[in-house]
Amino acid sequence: MHDLSRLAQYFRALACETRLRILYEIISDPKCAQDVAACIGKDVSTAWRHIKVLEDAGIVTSRREGRKIMVYVNDLDAVRRILKLAEKSLSAEKITPKIIK
């Protein structure tokens, strides 16, 4: 069985629109923190705070490359599947279940 607290931390990290925007920005093209900040329309310190939450959840990692600190998605395929599943779930027609008496 999975560690439920780690799973909860993972989904809490994804439960923020800003952090989702960061993921969508870096999923196909890793970016430096300054570029992430520009993409989400926030200052660098705010971007770093969100990146740190994603890092703590194990979703992204950051590493220094020369003078820049680049941000990467750790398990690209898993994150893509989760996002696609969520998008599919939101776009699917909702069928109201019949209440059995």
C-alpha atoms as a PDB file:
ATOM      1  CA  MET A   1       0.000   0.000   0.000  1.00  0.00           C
ATOM      2  CA  HIS A   2       1.214   3.486  -0.827  1.00  0.00           C
ATOM      3  CA  ASP A   3       2.164   5.928   1.867  1.00  0.00           C
ATOM      4  CA  LEU A   4      -1.058   7.952   1.962  1.00  0.00           C
ATOM      5  CA  SER A   5       0.604  11.058   3.384  1.00  0.00           C
ATOM      6  CA  ARG A   6       3.025  11.176   0.413  1.00  0.00           C
ATOM      7  CA  LEU A   7       0.136  10.639  -1.983  1.00  0.00           C
ATOM      8  CA  ALA A   8      -1.819  13.441  -0.310  1.00  0.00           C
ATOM      9  CA  GLN A   9       1.234  15.718  -0.544  1.00  0.00           C
ATOM     10  CA  TYR A  10       1.511  14.915  -4.261  1.00  0.00           C
ATOM     11  CA  PHE A  11      -2.109  15.815  -4.966  1.00  0.00           C
ATOM     12  CA  ARG A  12      -1.996  18.921  -2.744  1.00  0.00           C
ATOM     13  CA  ALA A  13       0.912  20.144  -4.855  1.00  0.00           C
ATOM     14  CA  LEU A  14      -1.227  19.672  -7.969  1.00  0.00           C
ATOM     15  CA  ALA A  15      -4.251  21.375  -6.393  1.00  0.00           C
ATOM     16  CA  CYS A  16      -3.019  24.883  -7.150  1.00  0.00           C
ATOM     17  CA  GLU A  17      -3.667  26.626 -10.459  1.00  0.00           C
ATOM     18  CA  THR A  18      -0.286  28.384 -10.378  1.00  0.00           C
ATOM     19  CA  ARG A  19       1.601  25.124  -9.842  1.00  0.00           C
ATOM     20  CA  LEU A  20      -0.377  23.479 -12.636  1.00  0.00           C
ATOM     21  CA  ARG A  21       0.597  26.378 -14.917  1.00  0.00           C
ATOM     22  CA  ILE A  22       4.232  25.807 -13.977  1.00  0.00           C
ATOM     23  CA  LEU A  23       3.922  22.124 -14.874  1.00  0.00           C
ATOM     24  CA  TYR A  24       2.305  22.887 -18.207  1.00  0.00           C
ATOM     25  CA  GLU A  25       5.111  25.371 -18.958  1.00  0.00           C
ATOM     26  CA  ILE A  26       7.987  23.010 -18.129  1.00  0.00           C
ATOM     27  CA  ILE A  27       6.495  19.680 -19.188  1.00  0.00           C
ATOM     28  CA  SER A  28       7.795  19.965 -22.745  1.00  0.00           C
ATOM     29  CA  ASP A  29      10.548  22.504 -22.197  1.00  0.00           C
ATOM     30  CA  PRO A  30      12.415  22.788 -18.874  1.00  0.00           C
ATOM     31  CA  LYS A  31      12.925  26.410 -17.899  1.00  0.00           C
ATOM     32  CA  CYS A  32      15.004  28.457 -15.514  1.00  0.00           C
ATOM     33  CA  ALA A  33      13.232  29.907 -12.486  1.00  0.00           C
ATOM     34  CA  GLN A  34      13.232  33.414 -13.960  1.00  0.00           C
ATOM     35  CA  ASP A  35      11.493  32.160 -17.110  1.00  0.00           C
ATOM     36  CA  VAL A  36       8.989  30.219 -14.989  1.00  0.00           C
ATOM     37  CA  ALA A  37       8.209  33.425 -13.087  1.00  0.00           C
ATOM     38  CA  ALA A  38       7.659  35.326 -16.343  1.00  0.00           C
ATOM     39  CA  CYS A  39       5.399  32.576 -17.724  1.00  0.00           C
ATOM     40  CA  ILE A  40       3.149  32.600 -14.673  1.00  0.00           C
ATOM     41  CA  GLY A  41       3.200  36.376 -14.250  1.00  0.00           C
ATOM     42  CA  LYS A  42       4.677  36.302 -10.738  1.00  0.00           C
ATOM     43  CA  ASP A  43       7.936  37.475  -9.202  1.00  0.00           C
ATOM     44  CA  VAL A  44      10.831  35.032  -8.895  1.00  0.00           C
ATOM     45  CA  SER A  45      10.427  34.514  -5.139  1.00  0.00           C
ATOM     46  CA  THR A  46       6.769  33.529  -5.597  1.00  0.00           C
ATOM     47  CA  ALA A  47       7.694  31.192  -8.438  1.00  0.00           C
ATOM     48  CA  TRP A  48      10.365  29.598  -6.225  1.00  0.00           C
ATOM     49  CA  ARG A  49       7.856  29.053  -3.438  1.00  0.00           C
ATOM     50  CA  HIS A  50       5.631  27.124  -5.838  1.00  0.00           C
ATOM     51  CA  ILE A  51       8.564  25.233  -7.336  1.00  0.00           C
ATOM     52  CA  LYS A  52       9.619  24.207  -3.810  1.00  0.00           C
ATOM     53  CA  VAL A  53       6.152  22.723  -3.131  1.00  0.00           C
ATOM     54  CA  LEU A  54       6.396  20.744  -6.379  1.00  0.00           C
ATOM     55  CA  GLU A  55       9.934  19.629  -5.459  1.00  0.00           C
ATOM     56  CA  ASP A  56       8.921  18.543  -1.957  1.00  0.00           C
ATOM     57  CA  ALA A  57       6.168  16.420  -3.517  1.00  0.00           C
ATOM     58  CA  GLY A  58       8.700  14.808  -5.855  1.00  0.00           C
ATOM     59  CA  ILE A  59       7.061  16.168  -8.998  1.00  0.00           C
ATOM     60  CA  VAL A  60       9.897  18.408 -10.199  1.00  0.00           C
ATOM     61  CA  THR A  61      13.568  18.816  -9.566  1.00  0.00           C
ATOM     62  CA  SER A  62      15.827  21.805 -10.000  1.00  0.00           C
ATOM     63  CA  ARG A  63      19.523  21.897 -10.723  1.00  0.00           C
ATOM     64  CA  ARG A  64      22.114  24.516 -11.439  1.00  0.00           C
ATOM     65  CA  GLU A  65      23.319  24.735 -15.014  1.00  0.00           C
ATOM     66  CA  GLY A  66      25.929  27.440 -15.249  1.00  0.00           C
ATOM     67  CA  ARG A  67      24.419  30.628 -13.851  1.00  0.00           C
ATOM     68  CA  LYS A  68      20.814  29.421 -14.096  1.00  0.00           C
ATOM     69  CA  ILE A  69      18.788  27.024 -12.010  1.00  0.00           C
ATOM     70  CA  MET A  70      16.697  24.883 -14.332  1.00  0.00           C
ATOM     71  CA  VAL A  71      13.423  23.221 -13.331  1.00  0.00           C
ATOM     72  CA  TYR A  72      12.526  19.786 -14.743  1.00  0.00           C
ATOM     73  CA  VAL A  73       9.598  17.385 -14.374  1.00  0.00           C
ATOM     74  CA  ASN A  74      10.862  14.222 -12.631  1.00  0.00           C
ATOM     75  CA  ASP A  75       8.633  11.548 -14.171  1.00  0.00           C
ATOM     76  CA  LEU A  76       7.413  13.108 -17.370  1.00  0.00           C
ATOM     77  CA  ASP A  77       5.227  10.189 -18.469  1.00  0.00           C
ATOM     78  CA  ALA A  78       3.489   9.874 -15.093  1.00  0.00           C
ATOM     79  CA  VAL A  79       2.738  13.598 -14.870  1.00  0.00           C
ATOM     80  CA  ARG A  80       1.416  13.646 -18.434  1.00  0.00           C
ATOM     81  CA  ARG A  81      -0.853  10.665 -17.704  1.00  0.00           C
ATOM     82  CA  ILE A  82      -2.205  12.269 -14.520  1.00  0.00           C
ATOM     83  CA  LEU A  83      -2.919  15.576 -16.267  1.00  0.00           C
ATOM     84  CA  LYS A  84      -4.541  13.869 -19.251  1.00  0.00           C
ATOM     85  CA  LEU A  85      -6.674  11.712 -16.968  1.00  0.00           C
ATOM     86  CA  ALA A  86      -7.820  14.796 -15.049  1.00  0.00           C
ATOM     87  CA  GLU A  87      -8.594  16.674 -18.278  1.00  0.00           C
ATOM     88  CA  LYS A  88     -10.502  13.680 -19.645  1.00  0.00           C
ATOM     89  CA  SER A  89     -12.461  13.335 -16.422  1.00  0.00           C
ATOM     90  CA  LEU A  90     -13.439  17.006 -16.496  1.00  0.00           C
ATOM     91  CA  SER A  91     -14.518  16.906 -20.125  1.00  0.00           C
ATOM     92  CA  ALA A  92     -16.500  13.647 -19.885  1.00  0.00           C
ATOM     93  CA  GLU A  93     -20.238  13.821 -19.654  1.00  0.00           C
ATOM     94  CA  LYS A  94     -21.379  13.285 -16.123  1.00  0.00           C
ATOM     95  CA  ILE A  95     -23.994  10.585 -15.708  1.00  0.00           C
ATOM     96  CA  THR A  96     -26.108  10.942 -12.603  1.00  0.00           C
ATOM     97  CA  PRO A  97     -26.204   7.579 -10.810  1.00  0.00           C
ATOM     98  CA  LYS A  98     -29.599   6.134 -10.012  1.00  0.00           C
ATOM     99  CA  ILE A  99     -30.258   5.752  -6.330  1.00  0.00           C
ATOM    100  CA  ILE A 100     -31.123   2.168  -5.540  1.00  0.00           C
ATOM    101  CA  LYS A 101     -33.890   1.783  -2.965  1.00  0.00           C
END
